[in-house]
Amino acid sequence: MISPGNFTTQERKASAYSSTIDELIDVLSRSKQLEESILAAGSAIKKSILNGGKLITCGNGGSAADALHLSEELVGRYKAERRSLPAICLNADVTAITCIGNDYGFDYIYSRQLQGLGKPGDVLVGFSTSGNSFNIIEAFTQATHQKITTILLGGKNGGALKGTCDYEIIIPSNTTARIQEMHTLILHQWLEELDITDWSTLNL
């Protein structure tokens, strides 16, 4: 039997990579149960835009990158050649974030923007792997006040946000990296549906 100390650095890296792949495959398999919620949330986004609303996204850290990813694919494009769609990412404007953070506190960097930019019929997608990010919680609270549809892309046990949103998609994993990888898969699934939607009658 070979002891761990006898493995080469390359062998240890290969073993770690294989373990990561196995973990991801397990999370992917267990996430099949989320299909209905994912499709329903995607339909809510499409319906909002068709009715003159817009998509609003936000997150922190790696989740901020996911929020940017989703919104830019609507304004730009994913795969298909289609019209630009209305979307805004609240963590994209560093001047707004630093202004609000300085004057009101970090917990309000998204809710304050939402108060000024959101309207009834819009959709807010908040990315939070823990479900406990105070600024995301405040954003969802503000969204509810403004009759903005809320979608949580979370993980672990859903955190404080569990049960507070119109749609919640909680990845069955405690590993932040695997949760974020699933979030990317889900937002791509939404983009696939938006790409095949007929936007010719959209008047914005």
Protein backbone atom coordinates (compact mmCIF):
# COMPACT_ATOMS: atom_id res chain seq x y z
CA MET A 1 0.00 0.00 0.00
CA ILE A 2 1.38 3.40 -0.99
CA SER A 3 1.29 6.01 1.76
CA PRO A 4 0.15 9.59 0.91
CA GLY A 5 3.72 10.73 1.52
CA ASN A 6 4.91 8.66 -1.45
CA PHE A 7 2.60 10.39 -3.95
CA THR A 8 4.27 12.87 -6.28
CA THR A 9 2.99 16.44 -6.39
CA GLN A 10 1.45 15.74 -9.81
CA GLU A 11 -0.34 12.63 -8.50
CA ARG A 12 -1.76 14.56 -5.55
CA LYS A 13 -3.03 17.28 -7.89
CA ALA A 14 -4.64 14.67 -10.14
CA SER A 15 -6.30 13.04 -7.14
CA ALA A 16 -7.64 16.40 -5.91
CA TYR A 17 -8.98 17.21 -9.38
CA SER A 18 -10.73 13.84 -9.64
CA SER A 19 -12.31 14.38 -6.23
CA THR A 20 -13.59 17.79 -7.34
CA ILE A 21 -15.10 16.29 -10.48
CA ASP A 22 -16.76 13.53 -8.44
CA GLU A 23 -18.20 16.10 -6.04
CA LEU A 24 -19.53 18.21 -8.91
CA ILE A 25 -21.14 15.18 -10.56
CA ASP A 26 -22.87 14.39 -7.27
CA VAL A 27 -24.18 17.96 -6.93
CA LEU A 28 -25.33 17.95 -10.55
CA SER A 29 -27.23 14.72 -10.00
CA ARG A 30 -28.93 15.95 -6.83
CA SER A 31 -29.78 19.26 -8.51
CA LYS A 32 -32.07 17.55 -11.03
CA GLN A 33 -34.82 17.97 -8.44
CA LEU A 34 -34.55 21.74 -8.95
CA GLU A 35 -35.71 21.61 -12.57
CA GLU A 36 -39.27 22.80 -11.92
CA SER A 37 -38.11 25.77 -9.85
CA ILE A 38 -35.44 26.71 -12.38
CA LEU A 39 -37.89 26.64 -15.29
CA ALA A 40 -40.51 28.58 -13.33
CA ALA A 41 -38.01 31.30 -12.38
CA GLY A 42 -36.81 31.52 -15.98
CA SER A 43 -40.40 31.92 -17.17
CA ALA A 44 -40.88 34.74 -14.65
CA ILE A 45 -37.88 36.58 -16.10
CA LYS A 46 -39.17 36.16 -19.65
CA LYS A 47 -42.70 37.24 -18.72
CA SER A 48 -41.41 40.34 -16.96
CA ILE A 49 -39.42 41.51 -19.97
CA LEU A 50 -42.27 40.74 -22.39
CA ASN A 51 -44.51 42.90 -20.19
CA GLY A 52 -42.11 45.85 -20.19
CA GLY A 53 -40.14 45.01 -17.05
CA LYS A 54 -36.45 44.46 -16.60
CA LEU A 55 -34.05 42.08 -14.93
CA ILE A 56 -32.04 43.36 -11.95
CA THR A 57 -29.19 41.34 -10.45
CA CYS A 58 -26.85 41.56 -7.48
CA GLY A 59 -24.35 39.55 -5.46
CA ASN A 60 -21.11 39.75 -3.48
CA GLY A 61 -17.64 38.53 -4.42
CA GLY A 62 -17.85 35.58 -6.80
CA SER A 63 -21.63 35.94 -6.75
CA ALA A 64 -21.21 39.54 -7.94
CA ALA A 65 -19.40 38.13 -10.97
CA ASP A 66 -22.34 35.77 -11.58
CA ALA A 67 -24.76 38.69 -11.30
CA LEU A 68 -22.73 40.64 -13.86
CA HIS A 69 -22.56 37.59 -16.12
CA LEU A 70 -26.34 37.20 -16.23
CA SER A 71 -27.16 40.86 -16.87
CA GLU A 72 -24.51 41.45 -19.53
CA GLU A 73 -25.68 38.45 -21.56
CA LEU A 74 -29.14 40.06 -21.82
CA VAL A 75 -27.94 43.52 -22.81
CA GLY A 76 -25.36 42.03 -25.16
CA ARG A 77 -26.16 38.54 -26.34
CA TYR A 78 -25.69 34.90 -25.41
CA LYS A 79 -25.68 32.79 -28.59
CA ALA A 80 -28.49 33.95 -30.84
CA GLU A 81 -28.66 37.24 -32.70
CA ARG A 82 -31.57 39.03 -31.02
CA ARG A 83 -32.48 42.46 -29.75
CA SER A 84 -30.85 43.79 -26.59
CA LEU A 85 -32.90 43.04 -23.47
CA PRO A 86 -33.25 45.30 -20.41
CA ALA A 87 -31.07 44.23 -17.51
CA ILE A 88 -28.99 46.00 -14.88
CA CYS A 89 -26.50 44.69 -12.33
CA LEU A 90 -26.48 46.61 -9.04
CA ASN A 91 -22.90 45.67 -8.22
CA ALA A 92 -21.59 47.11 -11.50
CA ASP A 93 -21.57 50.78 -10.50
CA VAL A 94 -18.65 51.34 -8.13
CA THR A 95 -19.51 55.01 -7.64
CA ALA A 96 -23.04 54.16 -6.47
CA ILE A 97 -21.75 51.38 -4.22
CA THR A 98 -19.12 53.55 -2.55
CA CYS A 99 -21.47 56.52 -2.23
CA ILE A 100 -24.25 54.49 -0.62
CA GLY A 101 -21.82 52.47 1.46
CA ASN A 102 -20.23 55.64 2.77
CA ASP A 103 -23.50 57.45 3.51
CA TYR A 104 -25.79 54.60 4.58
CA GLY A 105 -23.63 51.51 5.14
CA PHE A 106 -22.70 48.42 3.13
CA ASP A 107 -25.94 46.65 4.01
CA TYR A 108 -27.89 49.13 1.87
CA ILE A 109 -25.79 49.30 -1.30
CA TYR A 110 -28.38 47.32 -3.27
CA SER A 111 -31.68 48.23 -1.62
CA ARG A 112 -30.97 51.94 -2.09
CA GLN A 113 -30.26 51.46 -5.81
CA LEU A 114 -33.33 49.28 -6.15
CA GLN A 115 -35.51 51.97 -4.60
CA GLY A 116 -34.47 54.38 -7.35
CA LEU A 117 -34.20 52.01 -10.31
CA GLY A 118 -36.78 49.28 -9.71
CA LYS A 119 -40.46 49.31 -10.54
CA PRO A 120 -43.40 46.91 -10.10
CA GLY A 121 -43.15 44.07 -12.59
CA ASP A 122 -39.35 43.94 -12.60
CA VAL A 123 -37.47 40.83 -11.48
CA LEU A 124 -34.62 40.83 -8.96
CA VAL A 125 -32.20 37.90 -9.02
CA GLY A 126 -30.00 37.80 -5.93
CA PHE A 127 -26.99 35.49 -5.80
CA SER A 128 -25.97 34.39 -2.29
CA THR A 129 -24.29 31.05 -1.65
CA SER A 130 -25.09 31.31 2.07
CA GLY A 131 -28.41 33.16 1.94
CA ASN A 132 -27.17 35.31 4.81
CA SER A 133 -25.69 38.34 3.02
CA PHE A 134 -27.29 41.34 4.73
CA ASN A 135 -27.23 43.54 1.62
CA ILE A 136 -29.01 40.84 -0.39
CA ILE A 137 -31.57 40.42 2.40
CA GLU A 138 -32.20 44.19 2.39
CA ALA A 139 -32.51 44.16 -1.41
CA PHE A 140 -35.16 41.44 -1.32
CA THR A 141 -37.04 43.27 1.44
CA GLN A 142 -37.05 46.42 -0.66
CA ALA A 143 -38.12 44.46 -3.74
CA THR A 144 -41.12 43.09 -1.88
CA HIS A 145 -42.17 46.62 -0.91
CA GLN A 146 -41.99 47.65 -4.57
CA LYS A 147 -43.82 44.59 -5.90
CA ILE A 148 -40.72 43.36 -7.69
CA THR A 149 -40.54 39.59 -8.24
CA THR A 150 -37.70 38.00 -6.28
CA ILE A 151 -35.53 35.05 -7.29
CA LEU A 152 -32.87 33.63 -4.97
CA LEU A 153 -29.97 31.62 -6.30
CA GLY A 154 -28.59 30.18 -3.08
CA GLY A 155 -26.97 27.14 -1.56
CA LYS A 156 -26.24 25.28 1.67
CA ASN A 157 -29.45 25.43 3.77
CA GLY A 158 -30.77 28.62 2.15
CA GLY A 159 -29.85 30.77 5.13
CA ALA A 160 -31.99 33.68 6.31
CA LEU A 161 -33.42 34.18 2.81
CA LYS A 162 -35.02 30.74 2.63
CA GLY A 163 -38.78 31.05 2.41
CA THR A 164 -38.75 34.80 1.78
CA CYS A 165 -38.62 34.91 -2.04
CA ASP A 166 -41.08 34.30 -4.86
CA TYR A 167 -38.71 31.73 -6.36
CA GLU A 168 -35.81 30.09 -4.57
CA ILE A 169 -33.26 27.76 -6.06
CA ILE A 170 -31.05 26.36 -3.32
CA ILE A 171 -28.18 24.21 -4.54
CA PRO A 172 -27.78 21.01 -2.46
CA SER A 173 -24.16 21.58 -1.51
CA ASN A 174 -22.12 23.15 1.29
CA THR A 175 -19.16 23.90 -0.99
CA THR A 176 -19.17 27.48 -2.25
CA ALA A 177 -17.34 26.63 -5.48
CA ARG A 178 -19.82 23.88 -6.42
CA ILE A 179 -22.75 26.18 -5.63
CA GLN A 180 -21.37 28.90 -7.87
CA GLU A 181 -20.71 26.40 -10.66
CA MET A 182 -24.35 25.35 -10.50
CA HIS A 183 -25.46 29.00 -10.52
CA THR A 184 -23.59 29.45 -13.79
CA LEU A 185 -25.30 26.39 -15.28
CA ILE A 186 -28.71 27.73 -14.22
CA LEU A 187 -28.22 31.22 -15.61
CA HIS A 188 -27.07 29.66 -18.87
CA GLN A 189 -30.28 27.59 -18.89
CA TRP A 190 -32.31 30.80 -18.56
CA LEU A 191 -30.33 32.40 -21.38
CA GLU A 192 -31.02 29.43 -23.64
CA GLU A 193 -34.77 30.04 -23.20
CA LEU A 194 -34.45 33.79 -23.72
CA ASP A 195 -32.49 33.17 -26.92
CA ILE A 196 -35.33 31.16 -28.52
CA THR A 197 -38.04 33.62 -27.47
CA ASP A 198 -39.67 35.75 -30.16
CA TRP A 199 -38.90 39.33 -29.16
CA SER A 200 -40.20 40.93 -32.35
CA THR A 201 -43.27 42.34 -30.64
CA LEU A 202 -41.36 43.76 -27.69
CA ASN A 203 -41.81 47.53 -27.52
CA LEU A 204 -39.43 49.15 -25.05
